[in-house]
Protein backbone atom coordinates (compact mmCIF):
# COMPACT_ATOMS: atom_id res chain seq x y z
CA MET A 1 -21.29 -13.26 31.75
CA THR A 2 -18.94 -10.38 32.31
CA SER A 3 -17.42 -8.52 29.59
CA LYS A 4 -14.36 -9.52 31.45
CA GLU A 5 -15.05 -13.44 31.07
CA PHE A 6 -16.48 -12.81 27.46
CA HIS A 7 -14.24 -13.26 24.34
CA PRO A 8 -15.44 -12.95 20.79
CA ASP A 9 -14.89 -16.09 18.75
CA TRP A 10 -11.99 -14.61 16.73
CA THR A 11 -11.51 -17.00 14.02
CA GLU A 12 -8.35 -19.16 13.97
CA LYS A 13 -9.58 -21.28 11.15
CA SER A 14 -7.69 -20.82 7.76
CA PRO A 15 -10.44 -20.58 4.85
CA ALA A 16 -11.12 -23.20 2.51
CA GLU A 17 -9.53 -23.59 -0.40
CA GLY A 18 -12.07 -22.07 -3.52
CA THR A 19 -14.03 -19.97 -0.73
CA TYR A 20 -14.56 -16.17 -1.08
CA ARG A 21 -12.63 -15.56 1.96
CA SER A 22 -9.83 -17.39 1.00
CA ILE A 23 -9.65 -14.61 -1.79
CA PHE A 24 -9.97 -11.81 0.87
CA LYS A 25 -8.05 -12.73 3.83
CA TYR A 26 -4.97 -10.86 3.97
CA GLY A 27 -1.68 -12.26 3.95
CA ASP A 28 -0.75 -16.06 5.01
CA PRO A 29 -4.06 -18.68 5.03
CA GLN A 30 -2.55 -19.77 8.24
CA HIS A 31 -1.86 -16.63 10.15
CA PHE A 32 -3.99 -14.54 12.26
CA LYS A 33 -3.93 -11.43 14.37
CA HIS A 34 -7.03 -10.61 16.94
CA PRO A 35 -7.73 -7.44 18.24
CA SER A 36 -6.16 -7.18 21.68
CA ASP A 37 -9.19 -6.72 25.10
CA ALA A 38 -8.03 -3.23 25.42
CA TRP A 39 -9.01 -2.84 21.47
CA TYR A 40 -12.13 -4.79 22.11
CA ARG A 41 -13.30 -2.95 24.98
CA MET A 42 -12.58 0.39 23.40
CA MET A 43 -14.58 -0.45 20.11
CA LYS A 44 -17.75 -1.51 22.65
CA GLN A 45 -17.22 1.85 24.08
CA ASP A 46 -17.05 4.02 20.99
CA PHE A 47 -19.54 2.13 18.78
CA HIS A 48 -22.24 1.52 21.65
CA LEU A 49 -21.96 -2.35 21.61
CA SER A 50 -22.17 -4.89 23.83
CA ASP A 51 -20.96 -8.50 24.24
CA ALA A 52 -24.06 -9.59 22.77
CA ASP A 53 -23.08 -8.04 19.62
CA PHE A 54 -20.08 -10.16 19.48
CA ALA A 55 -21.84 -13.27 20.09
CA ASP A 56 -22.59 -14.17 16.47
CA LYS A 57 -20.93 -13.72 13.17
CA GLY A 58 -22.16 -11.81 10.36
CA LYS A 59 -21.36 -13.05 6.62
CA GLU A 60 -17.92 -14.70 6.61
CA GLY A 61 -17.83 -15.68 3.00
CA ARG A 62 -16.85 -19.30 3.52
CA GLU A 63 -18.98 -20.43 0.90
CA PRO A 64 -17.23 -21.88 -2.64
CA VAL A 65 -16.81 -18.97 -5.17
CA LYS A 66 -19.66 -19.30 -7.92
CA LEU A 67 -19.40 -17.08 -10.68
CA ASN A 68 -22.16 -18.34 -13.63
CA ARG A 69 -20.68 -16.28 -16.18
CA PRO A 70 -19.31 -18.33 -19.19
CA ALA A 71 -15.87 -17.00 -21.03
CA ALA A 72 -16.87 -14.36 -23.60
CA LEU A 73 -13.82 -15.21 -25.63
CA LYS A 74 -13.86 -17.54 -28.46
CA PRO A 75 -12.52 -21.16 -28.27
CA ASN A 76 -10.03 -20.46 -31.13
CA GLN A 77 -8.97 -17.36 -28.72
CA ILE A 78 -8.64 -19.45 -26.01
CA ASP A 79 -6.48 -21.72 -27.87
CA ALA A 80 -4.19 -19.18 -29.09
CA LEU A 81 -3.53 -17.99 -25.84
CA GLN A 82 -2.85 -21.42 -24.60
CA ALA A 83 -0.32 -22.04 -27.33
CA ILE A 84 1.91 -18.81 -26.18
CA VAL A 85 1.89 -20.07 -22.53
CA GLY A 86 1.15 -23.59 -22.39
CA LYS A 87 -1.88 -25.44 -21.16
CA GLU A 88 -0.95 -25.53 -17.85
CA ASN A 89 -0.43 -21.76 -17.74
CA ILE A 90 -4.11 -21.28 -18.38
CA GLU A 91 -7.17 -20.96 -15.97
CA LEU A 92 -10.67 -20.76 -16.90
CA ASP A 93 -12.69 -21.93 -13.77
CA ASP A 94 -14.66 -19.46 -11.34
CA TYR A 95 -12.32 -19.34 -8.50
CA HIS A 96 -9.38 -18.22 -10.14
CA ARG A 97 -11.07 -15.87 -12.61
CA VAL A 98 -12.34 -14.04 -9.42
CA LYS A 99 -9.08 -14.25 -7.33
CA TYR A 100 -7.17 -12.57 -10.20
CA ALA A 101 -9.67 -10.11 -10.31
CA SER A 102 -9.59 -8.74 -6.85
CA GLY A 103 -7.63 -6.86 -4.55
CA LYS A 104 -7.58 -5.88 -0.83
CA THR A 105 -10.30 -2.72 -0.75
CA THR A 106 -12.73 -2.29 2.21
CA GLU A 107 -15.17 -2.48 -0.50
CA GLU A 108 -14.27 -5.80 -2.01
CA MET A 109 -14.12 -7.35 1.46
CA LEU A 110 -17.57 -6.12 2.15
CA GLU A 111 -18.88 -7.36 -1.12
CA LEU A 112 -17.23 -10.99 -1.44
CA ARG A 113 -18.80 -11.62 2.02
CA GLU A 114 -22.13 -11.21 0.31
CA GLY A 115 -21.05 -13.48 -2.60
CA ILE A 116 -21.09 -10.21 -4.92
CA ILE A 117 -18.85 -10.31 -7.78
CA ARG A 118 -17.77 -7.56 -9.71
CA GLU A 119 -16.06 -7.52 -13.36
CA VAL A 120 -13.64 -10.46 -13.96
CA ALA A 121 -11.61 -12.01 -16.80
CA ASP A 122 -12.57 -14.31 -19.01
CA VAL A 123 -9.25 -16.29 -18.88
CA VAL A 124 -6.36 -15.95 -16.36
CA VAL A 125 -2.96 -16.47 -18.13
CA HIS A 126 0.60 -16.93 -16.32
CA PRO A 127 3.35 -16.26 -18.82
CA ARG A 128 6.60 -17.53 -18.42
CA ASP A 129 8.95 -14.84 -19.16
CA LYS A 130 9.03 -11.11 -20.97
CA HIS A 131 8.78 -13.14 -24.37
CA ASP A 132 5.65 -14.63 -23.61
CA VAL A 133 4.23 -11.24 -22.37
CA GLN A 134 5.18 -9.99 -25.68
CA LYS A 135 3.38 -12.57 -27.85
CA LEU A 136 0.44 -12.04 -25.51
CA VAL A 137 0.24 -8.46 -25.96
CA GLU A 138 0.57 -8.48 -29.96
CA TYR A 139 -2.00 -11.45 -29.90
CA CYS A 140 -4.49 -9.61 -27.82
CA ASP A 141 -4.04 -6.09 -29.53
CA LYS A 142 -4.91 -7.91 -32.95
CA GLU A 143 -8.08 -9.40 -31.61
CA LEU A 144 -8.89 -6.27 -29.51
CA ILE A 145 -8.79 -8.74 -26.33
CA PRO A 146 -8.29 -6.43 -22.96
CA MET A 147 -5.31 -7.14 -20.54
CA THR A 148 -5.43 -6.36 -16.78
CA VAL A 149 -1.92 -6.95 -14.70
CA PHE A 150 -2.00 -8.77 -11.65
CA SER A 151 1.09 -9.49 -9.62
CA ALA A 152 0.34 -9.75 -5.75
CA GLY A 153 -3.44 -8.75 -5.48
CA SER A 154 -2.75 -5.93 -2.58
CA SER A 155 -4.18 -3.47 -4.56
CA VAL A 156 -6.35 -0.91 -2.47
CA ASN A 157 -7.84 0.80 -5.39
CA PHE A 158 -9.70 -1.58 -7.95
CA GLY A 159 -6.07 -1.55 -9.63
CA CYS A 160 -6.49 -5.33 -10.67
CA ARG A 161 -10.06 -5.40 -11.51
CA PRO A 162 -10.66 -6.14 -15.43
CA ALA A 163 -13.26 -3.83 -15.84
CA LYS A 164 -13.81 -4.99 -19.66
CA GLY A 165 -13.01 -8.76 -19.15
CA GLY A 166 -10.61 -10.30 -21.16
CA VAL A 167 -7.41 -11.59 -19.88
CA SER A 168 -5.72 -11.37 -16.37
CA VAL A 169 -1.84 -11.57 -16.73
CA VAL A 170 -0.69 -12.77 -13.65
CA VAL A 171 3.28 -11.74 -13.51
CA SER A 172 4.04 -12.84 -10.05
CA THR A 173 3.97 -16.72 -10.87
CA HIS A 174 7.00 -17.14 -12.75
CA MET A 175 8.46 -13.82 -13.41
CA ASN A 176 9.80 -13.63 -9.80
CA LYS A 177 13.50 -13.73 -10.01
CA LEU A 178 16.47 -11.27 -9.22
CA LEU A 179 18.34 -11.30 -12.45
CA GLU A 180 21.51 -9.38 -11.73
CA VAL A 181 23.10 -7.51 -9.31
CA ASN A 182 25.58 -4.71 -10.37
CA GLU A 183 28.01 -4.10 -7.83
CA LEU A 184 29.94 -1.13 -9.41
CA ASN A 185 26.53 0.78 -10.32
CA GLN A 186 24.88 -0.51 -7.05
CA THR A 187 21.80 -1.74 -9.04
CA ALA A 188 19.71 -4.71 -9.17
CA ARG A 189 17.70 -5.93 -12.33
CA VAL A 190 14.64 -7.52 -11.03
CA GLN A 191 11.48 -9.32 -12.58
CA PRO A 192 8.31 -7.28 -11.71
CA GLY A 193 6.80 -9.97 -9.95
CA MET A 194 9.44 -10.92 -7.09
CA PHE A 195 7.92 -10.25 -3.67
CA GLY A 196 9.42 -7.86 -1.08
CA PRO A 197 10.89 -10.88 1.09
CA ALA A 198 12.35 -12.43 -1.58
CA TYR A 199 13.91 -9.42 -3.19
CA GLU A 200 15.00 -8.58 -0.02
CA ASP A 201 16.76 -11.42 1.14
CA ALA A 202 18.67 -11.77 -2.04
CA LEU A 203 19.76 -8.61 -1.85
CA ASN A 204 20.87 -9.26 2.21
CA ARG A 205 22.49 -12.64 0.68
CA ALA A 206 24.38 -10.83 -2.36
CA PRO A 207 27.88 -11.79 -1.34
CA GLU A 208 26.99 -15.59 -1.42
CA VAL A 209 24.48 -15.16 -4.17
CA PHE A 210 26.06 -12.84 -6.46
CA LYS A 211 29.49 -12.87 -5.11
CA THR A 212 29.54 -9.14 -4.25
CA LYS A 213 31.75 -7.55 -1.66
CA HIS A 214 28.56 -5.97 0.04
CA ARG A 215 25.20 -6.86 1.41
CA TYR A 216 22.34 -4.89 0.41
CA THR A 217 18.79 -3.76 1.01
CA CYS A 218 16.05 -2.75 -1.16
CA GLY A 219 15.51 0.42 0.94
CA HIS A 220 11.39 -0.29 0.30
CA PHE A 221 9.12 -1.47 2.99
CA PRO A 222 5.66 -0.67 2.73
CA GLN A 223 3.02 -2.20 5.19
CA SER A 224 2.24 -4.70 2.66
CA PHE A 225 5.67 -5.60 2.10
CA GLU A 226 5.25 -9.31 2.68
CA TYR A 227 2.47 -9.68 0.12
CA SER A 228 3.79 -7.20 -2.69
CA THR A 229 6.00 -7.06 -5.56
CA VAL A 230 8.72 -4.82 -7.15
CA GLY A 231 6.58 -4.09 -10.07
CA GLY A 232 3.68 -3.23 -8.23
CA TRP A 233 5.78 -0.85 -5.98
CA VAL A 234 6.76 0.58 -9.34
CA VAL A 235 3.72 1.16 -11.14
CA THR A 236 1.50 2.63 -8.45
CA LEU A 237 4.26 4.75 -7.26
CA GLY A 238 4.48 3.01 -3.67
CA SER A 239 6.17 4.28 -0.73
CA GLY A 240 8.22 2.37 1.68
CA GLN A 241 8.30 2.83 5.49
CA ALA A 242 11.74 4.44 5.36
CA SER A 243 10.89 6.24 2.59
CA THR A 244 12.31 9.76 4.38
CA TYR A 245 15.74 8.19 3.86
CA TYR A 246 15.73 5.90 1.00
CA GLY A 247 13.19 7.76 -1.19
CA ASP A 248 9.96 6.58 -2.51
CA ALA A 249 9.53 3.90 -5.49
CA TYR A 250 9.63 6.64 -8.15
CA ASP A 251 13.13 7.61 -6.51
CA ILE A 252 14.58 4.08 -6.55
CA VAL A 253 13.62 2.80 -10.02
CA PHE A 254 16.74 3.35 -12.34
CA SER A 255 15.35 1.67 -15.62
CA GLN A 256 12.63 -0.07 -17.08
CA GLU A 257 11.74 -2.47 -20.02
CA TYR A 258 8.19 -2.38 -21.11
CA VAL A 259 6.07 -4.37 -23.48
CA THR A 260 3.30 -2.51 -25.22
CA PRO A 261 1.11 -2.84 -28.14
CA ALA A 262 3.16 0.11 -29.72
CA GLY A 263 6.30 -1.98 -29.30
CA ILE A 264 9.07 -2.90 -26.79
CA PHE A 265 11.47 -0.85 -25.14
CA LYS A 266 13.92 -0.64 -22.45
CA THR A 267 14.88 3.07 -20.95
CA LEU A 268 18.49 3.80 -20.66
CA ASP A 269 20.83 3.24 -17.73
CA TYR A 270 22.19 6.42 -16.90
CA PRO A 271 22.73 8.21 -13.15
CA ALA A 272 21.32 11.31 -15.11
CA THR A 273 20.95 12.55 -18.97
CA ALA A 274 19.18 16.05 -20.22
CA THR A 275 17.89 14.27 -23.14
CA GLY A 276 14.18 15.79 -23.00
CA PRO A 277 11.41 14.75 -20.49
CA LYS A 278 12.10 10.96 -19.48
CA ILE A 279 10.19 8.12 -20.76
CA ASN A 280 11.52 6.35 -17.41
CA ASP A 281 9.69 8.90 -15.37
CA ILE A 282 6.44 8.68 -17.61
CA MET A 283 6.54 4.97 -16.99
CA LYS A 284 6.26 5.06 -13.42
CA GLY A 285 2.86 4.91 -11.79
CA SER A 286 1.49 4.00 -15.18
CA GLU A 287 -0.78 1.30 -13.57
CA GLY A 288 -0.52 -0.93 -16.53
CA THR A 289 -2.39 1.52 -18.83
CA PHE A 290 0.50 1.77 -21.33
CA GLY A 291 1.84 -1.51 -21.18
CA ILE A 292 3.35 -4.17 -19.26
CA LEU A 293 6.63 -3.82 -16.97
CA VAL A 294 8.70 -6.71 -17.86
CA GLU A 295 12.12 -6.12 -16.21
CA VAL A 296 13.13 -3.28 -13.65
CA THR A 297 16.53 -2.27 -12.44
CA MET A 298 16.58 -0.80 -8.90
CA LYS A 299 19.21 1.30 -6.99
CA ILE A 300 19.85 -0.70 -4.09
CA PHE A 301 21.51 0.52 -0.77
CA ARG A 302 24.21 -1.05 1.44
CA TYR A 303 22.89 -3.18 4.34
CA MET A 304 24.12 -2.35 7.70
CA PRO A 305 21.46 -3.34 10.34
CA GLU A 306 24.11 -3.10 13.23
CA ASN A 307 24.26 0.69 12.50
CA ARG A 308 20.29 1.26 13.03
CA ALA A 309 19.49 3.68 15.85
CA ARG A 310 15.84 4.08 16.97
CA PHE A 311 14.29 6.77 18.78
CA SER A 312 10.90 7.89 20.13
CA PHE A 313 9.35 11.01 21.69
CA MET A 314 6.26 12.49 23.12
CA TYR A 315 5.61 15.87 22.13
CA PRO A 316 3.05 17.81 24.04
CA THR A 317 0.65 18.98 21.22
CA TRP A 318 0.51 18.31 17.45
CA GLU A 319 1.37 21.62 16.23
CA ALA A 320 4.75 21.00 18.40
CA ALA A 321 5.20 17.45 16.69
CA VAL A 322 4.54 19.07 13.06
CA ASN A 323 6.88 22.12 13.81
CA ALA A 324 10.01 19.89 14.95
CA SER A 325 9.29 17.34 11.80
CA ARG A 326 9.66 20.26 9.52
CA GLU A 327 12.79 21.71 11.43
CA ILE A 328 14.22 17.94 11.24
CA MET A 329 13.42 17.68 7.59
CA GLN A 330 14.77 21.19 6.49
CA SER A 331 17.81 21.30 8.58
CA GLU A 332 19.99 19.44 6.09
CA PHE A 333 21.98 17.34 8.57
CA GLY A 334 20.81 14.13 7.07
CA LYS A 335 17.42 12.36 7.01
CA PRO A 336 15.91 9.36 9.31
CA ALA A 337 14.97 6.11 7.69
CA ILE A 338 12.01 5.68 9.43
CA TYR A 339 9.99 8.92 10.79
CA ARG A 340 6.57 8.80 11.82
CA ILE A 341 4.28 11.51 14.14
CA SER A 342 0.66 10.32 15.30
CA ASP A 343 -1.86 12.96 15.77
CA PRO A 344 -3.81 13.20 19.12
CA GLU A 345 -6.37 10.82 18.78
CA GLU A 346 -4.19 7.98 16.74
CA THR A 347 -1.47 8.62 20.17
CA ASP A 348 -3.87 8.12 22.68
CA ARG A 349 -5.86 5.18 21.25
CA GLY A 350 -2.45 3.57 20.32
CA LEU A 351 -1.35 3.78 24.14
CA LYS A 352 -4.39 2.28 25.27
CA LEU A 353 -3.90 -0.55 22.46
CA TYR A 354 -0.42 -1.15 23.62
CA GLY A 355 -1.46 -1.34 27.31
CA MET A 356 0.32 1.82 28.72
CA PRO A 357 0.28 1.56 32.45
CA GLY A 358 -1.77 3.89 34.40
CA ILE A 359 1.33 5.16 36.18
CA VAL A 360 2.88 6.16 32.91
CA ASP A 361 -0.26 7.99 31.96
CA LYS A 362 -0.24 9.96 35.44
CA PHE A 363 3.41 10.54 34.72
CA LEU A 364 3.10 12.18 31.15
CA SER A 365 -0.11 14.21 32.47
CA MET A 366 2.05 15.52 35.54
CA LYS A 367 4.71 16.61 32.91
CA GLY A 368 1.87 18.27 30.72
CA PHE A 369 1.57 15.63 28.15
CA LYS A 370 -2.28 15.63 28.52
CA PRO A 371 -4.62 13.07 26.64
CA MET A 372 -5.80 14.00 23.43
CA GLN A 373 -3.34 16.56 23.12
CA ARG A 374 0.23 14.80 23.22
CA CYS A 375 1.59 13.23 19.87
CA LEU A 376 3.97 10.49 19.71
CA SER A 377 6.80 10.18 17.32
CA LEU A 378 9.13 7.37 16.40
CA GLY A 379 11.75 6.50 13.98
CA ASN A 380 15.02 5.25 13.33
CA ALA A 381 18.26 5.99 11.50
CA GLU A 382 20.60 3.96 9.10
CA GLY A 383 23.31 3.85 7.18
CA ASP A 384 27.01 4.43 8.53
CA LYS A 385 27.55 4.52 12.09
CA ASP A 386 28.75 7.92 12.28
CA TYR A 387 26.01 9.03 10.30
CA THR A 388 23.28 7.45 12.33
CA CYS A 389 24.67 8.85 15.72
CA LEU A 390 24.77 12.31 14.13
CA VAL A 391 21.13 12.13 12.80
CA VAL A 392 19.73 11.09 16.15
CA ARG A 393 21.56 13.26 17.98
CA LYS A 394 20.38 16.07 15.80
CA ILE A 395 16.65 15.08 16.08
CA LYS A 396 16.91 14.57 19.96
CA ALA A 397 18.16 18.23 20.34
CA ILE A 398 15.10 19.39 18.04
CA ALA A 399 12.86 17.52 19.77
CA ARG A 400 13.74 18.86 23.17
CA LYS A 401 13.49 22.23 21.76
CA HIS A 402 10.03 21.87 20.58
CA GLY A 403 8.99 20.61 24.19
CA ALA A 404 9.40 16.67 23.77
CA ILE A 405 10.08 13.99 25.98
CA SER A 406 12.55 11.13 25.25
CA LEU A 407 10.78 7.49 25.06
CA GLY A 408 13.92 5.67 23.95
CA SER A 409 14.04 3.03 21.67
CA TYR A 410 10.62 1.36 23.16
CA ALA A 411 7.88 2.66 21.35
CA SER A 412 9.97 2.16 17.84
CA ARG A 413 10.69 -1.28 18.71
CA LYS A 414 7.17 -2.11 19.34
CA TRP A 415 5.89 -0.70 16.39
CA GLU A 416 8.44 -2.49 14.35
CA HIS A 417 7.06 -5.35 15.98
CA THR A 418 3.64 -5.39 14.62
CA ARG A 419 3.80 -3.17 11.38
CA TYR A 420 3.42 -5.93 8.83
CA THR A 421 0.54 -7.78 10.63
CA GLU A 422 -2.06 -4.98 11.40
CA PRO A 423 -3.91 -5.59 8.43
CA TYR A 424 -4.82 -9.00 9.56
CA MET A 425 -7.29 -7.61 12.02
CA ARG A 426 -9.47 -6.64 9.06
CA GLU A 427 -10.97 -10.32 8.75
CA ASP A 428 -12.08 -10.25 12.69
CA LEU A 429 -13.68 -6.93 12.61
CA GLY A 430 -15.51 -7.59 9.52
CA ASP A 431 -16.74 -10.93 11.02
CA PHE A 432 -18.95 -8.42 13.21
CA GLY A 433 -19.56 -5.62 11.02
CA ILE A 434 -16.79 -3.30 11.55
CA MET A 435 -14.88 -1.63 9.05
CA ILE A 436 -11.46 -0.40 8.98
CA ASP A 437 -9.82 1.21 5.97
CA THR A 438 -7.55 4.21 4.90
CA LEU A 439 -6.68 6.93 2.80
CA GLU A 440 -3.57 8.97 2.24
CA THR A 441 -2.57 12.07 0.66
CA ALA A 442 0.42 14.10 0.27
CA VAL A 443 0.42 17.82 1.76
CA THR A 444 2.58 21.19 1.95
CA TRP A 445 3.65 21.84 5.33
CA ASP A 446 1.72 25.42 5.00
CA ASN A 447 -1.70 23.68 4.20
CA LEU A 448 -0.85 20.50 6.63
CA HIS A 449 -3.23 21.79 9.61
CA ARG A 450 -5.94 22.91 7.24
CA LEU A 451 -6.21 19.50 5.76
CA HIS A 452 -5.86 17.62 8.86
CA GLU A 453 -8.71 19.62 10.46
CA GLY A 454 -10.93 19.59 7.44
CA VAL A 455 -10.99 15.86 6.76
CA ARG A 456 -11.02 15.24 10.39
CA ALA A 457 -13.96 16.81 10.91
CA TYR A 458 -15.86 15.05 7.84
CA VAL A 459 -15.08 11.96 9.44
CA LYS A 460 -15.91 12.70 12.66
CA SER A 461 -19.28 14.09 11.54
CA ARG A 462 -20.24 10.45 11.17
CA PRO A 463 -21.23 9.63 14.56
CA ASP A 464 -19.36 6.69 16.22
CA THR A 465 -16.41 7.00 14.03
CA MET A 466 -12.96 6.92 14.91
CA CYS A 467 -10.51 8.89 13.06
CA MET A 468 -6.62 8.14 13.74
CA THR A 469 -3.85 10.08 11.50
CA HIS A 470 -0.19 10.06 11.54
CA ALA A 471 2.48 11.14 9.09
CA SER A 472 5.26 8.82 7.92
CA HIS A 473 6.59 9.88 4.62
CA PHE A 474 8.52 13.26 5.02
CA TYR A 475 10.16 15.78 2.86
CA PRO A 476 11.52 19.37 3.17
CA GLN A 477 8.29 20.66 1.53
CA GLY A 478 5.87 18.47 3.56
CA THR A 479 4.50 15.41 3.99
CA ASN A 480 1.73 12.91 3.99
CA LEU A 481 -1.27 12.62 5.87
CA TYR A 482 -2.84 8.54 6.49
CA PHE A 483 -6.32 8.76 7.72
CA ILE A 484 -7.09 5.64 9.44
CA PHE A 485 -11.29 5.35 9.98
CA ILE A 486 -12.90 2.96 11.85
CA ALA A 487 -16.82 2.45 12.17
CA HIS A 488 -19.17 -0.06 12.80
CA MET A 489 -20.35 -0.38 9.01
CA ASP A 490 -21.01 -3.13 6.96
CA ASP A 491 -23.39 -2.08 4.09
CA PRO A 492 -21.24 -1.80 0.96
CA ASP A 493 -23.39 1.24 -0.20
CA GLU A 494 -22.97 3.41 3.26
CA TYR A 495 -19.47 2.29 2.99
CA ARG A 496 -18.85 3.90 -0.88
CA LYS A 497 -20.70 7.05 0.22
CA PHE A 498 -18.95 7.59 2.90
CA GLN A 499 -15.47 7.07 1.37
CA SER A 500 -16.38 8.81 -1.69
CA GLY A 501 -17.18 11.88 0.91
CA ILE A 502 -13.39 11.65 2.49
CA ILE A 503 -11.63 11.41 -0.88
CA ASP A 504 -14.20 14.67 -1.97
CA HIS A 505 -12.93 16.51 1.16
CA ILE A 506 -9.40 15.63 0.82
CA GLN A 507 -9.56 17.32 -2.63
CA LYS A 508 -11.50 20.02 -1.16
CA TYR A 509 -8.73 21.21 1.34
CA GLY A 510 -5.87 21.03 -0.98
CA GLY A 511 -4.41 17.22 -0.57
CA SER A 512 -3.39 15.17 -3.44
CA LEU A 513 -5.71 12.07 -4.23
CA SER A 514 -2.74 9.67 -3.33
CA HIS A 515 0.61 9.76 -2.08
CA HIS A 516 1.38 6.34 -2.24
CA HIS A 517 -1.39 4.01 -3.02
CA GLY A 518 -1.80 4.85 -6.84
CA VAL A 519 -5.06 5.91 -8.24
CA GLY A 520 -6.65 2.45 -9.94
CA ARG A 521 -10.40 2.86 -10.86
CA MET A 522 -11.36 3.94 -7.14
CA ILE A 523 -9.86 7.29 -7.45
CA GLY A 524 -9.99 7.80 -11.20
CA PRO A 525 -13.35 10.17 -11.38
CA TRP A 526 -11.81 12.70 -9.53
CA MET A 527 -8.23 12.92 -11.52
CA GLU A 528 -9.36 15.54 -14.37
CA LYS A 529 -10.76 17.64 -11.63
CA HIS A 530 -7.38 17.29 -9.49
CA LEU A 531 -4.83 17.77 -12.44
CA GLY A 532 -6.89 19.72 -14.80
CA LYS A 533 -8.05 19.24 -18.25
CA GLU A 534 -4.08 19.84 -20.11
CA GLN A 535 -2.22 17.52 -17.77
CA MET A 536 -5.07 14.74 -18.42
CA ALA A 537 -4.97 15.52 -21.90
CA VAL A 538 -1.40 14.57 -21.65
CA LEU A 539 -1.69 11.26 -20.30
CA ARG A 540 -4.46 10.78 -22.62
CA ALA A 541 -2.15 11.42 -25.45
CA LEU A 542 0.35 9.26 -24.01
CA LYS A 543 -2.64 6.29 -23.95
CA ARG A 544 -3.23 6.78 -27.60
CA HIS A 545 0.45 6.29 -28.40
CA PHE A 546 1.05 3.29 -26.09
CA ASP A 547 -2.15 1.64 -26.57
CA PRO A 548 -4.26 3.22 -29.58
CA ARG A 549 -6.62 0.24 -29.29
CA ASN A 550 -7.33 0.83 -25.63
CA ILE A 551 -6.76 -3.00 -24.69
CA MET A 552 -4.32 -2.28 -21.66
CA ASN A 553 -6.26 -1.94 -18.48
CA PRO A 554 -8.98 -0.22 -19.92
CA GLY A 555 -12.45 0.72 -17.82
CA GLY A 556 -11.21 3.97 -15.67
CA GLN A 557 -7.93 3.25 -14.47
CA LEU A 558 -6.08 6.40 -13.95
CA GLY A 559 -9.40 7.93 -14.96
CA LEU A 560 -8.06 7.89 -18.60
CA ASP A 561 -11.17 6.74 -20.02
């Protein structure tokens, strides 16, 4: 049988309820996205595989979850928790204890395929409102029962793993509503467990739902948008794909309400105040270590999709793409919403995967845009129509000055069409022992090339490993680098060692440990070296104040204990 005739048996079967695969599968259980034929050919070539290597799947994780770990809590403690939230909002079975202890890291996927289960809570609780949360925190603090918050489970850093057992607090089951839109202040008050699509839809329909004059958007669209929550964005300091215009989650938060073992508080609703260091800022990115976010007031923005203006360019080199991007971000004519540049490896692999015709490749090469040198840029501008026209016109002029050729809106539209579906391919690849994962970092302009080259060199030092890099969140002072690494690797221990080496090299070459995925327990061990003893001492002092008995997400979150 020839390569052209053979197609791997990509799964089209939804995982059965109660299985390991139903936990690590991304997104909609009924939805799948398979590698294209071009992607399949590329993997075989780069990983020195043949059709025979794709004839049989490895461990798929379709077995029922078996934990065999009795809950460590006493019967009277479980009864007390049940009295707070109601019997129907308590779960003690193996499956739910594992489900609500799991995120979406590659390591977890590799281990769950093998039936390996790490730390889990003793009981899962689903509070109905912030009053339930208050009672739960008061009781668990008195009884010294650890608490770990779970919202959507899209964490990629072990952020929802209950390292010390205790209680998994699931806030997305009931606490998932948009409570108020204040059109005068242009803010929205929302519960932490509201998923991105529901939040955005309610804002888009604000005139019908809240009797506002205008329609609104949240402005925050991470790749996990469909399966992440507003509270998760805030406590992990997330960034959406349109952050260059709207800002990161940090910028969009207006005020917050928390329940902590030390007490309940709501930060004040002011656009600005000079009353000392802002507690509102301190709580952003706290990852459940100080308390539980129960309500958040977010800035919102006018929704004007009819004014969206898309663009895409091909630059002759990575250096030209970076220089143009820096000039765009520092020129002060306004900012695009989405803006991305791909390095040469990501550009060429992307063009192949999108099926670029040979005649287009030949045309680009003749124009000086050579394979493994050229770099793709794409994005859009949003807002008032006059504003979007100005921004795109200025970007085009700078791009031309740096040797770029316009590709119109095609590449941008193509990317938009698939931007939320790429993670679905992880299950297919994992079935055949192929690992795909990411790490991101923030970097200033003056250190970008050193960091890019240093980290890439380490990733590529492992034979037969792809390393695709792009920047997708931009500031006048710098950007982020998002490293995507793909390898034929299905051993969790090998993966852990490889991933740790990448994090070591990100730190070695002066990048931040995370740009928008948070810290969790995965990156916690690097925090003190990264921030230094004094800054970590400040975070630990805050931890002692808000959570003196160390019940809130203990066990290494943020590197605090």
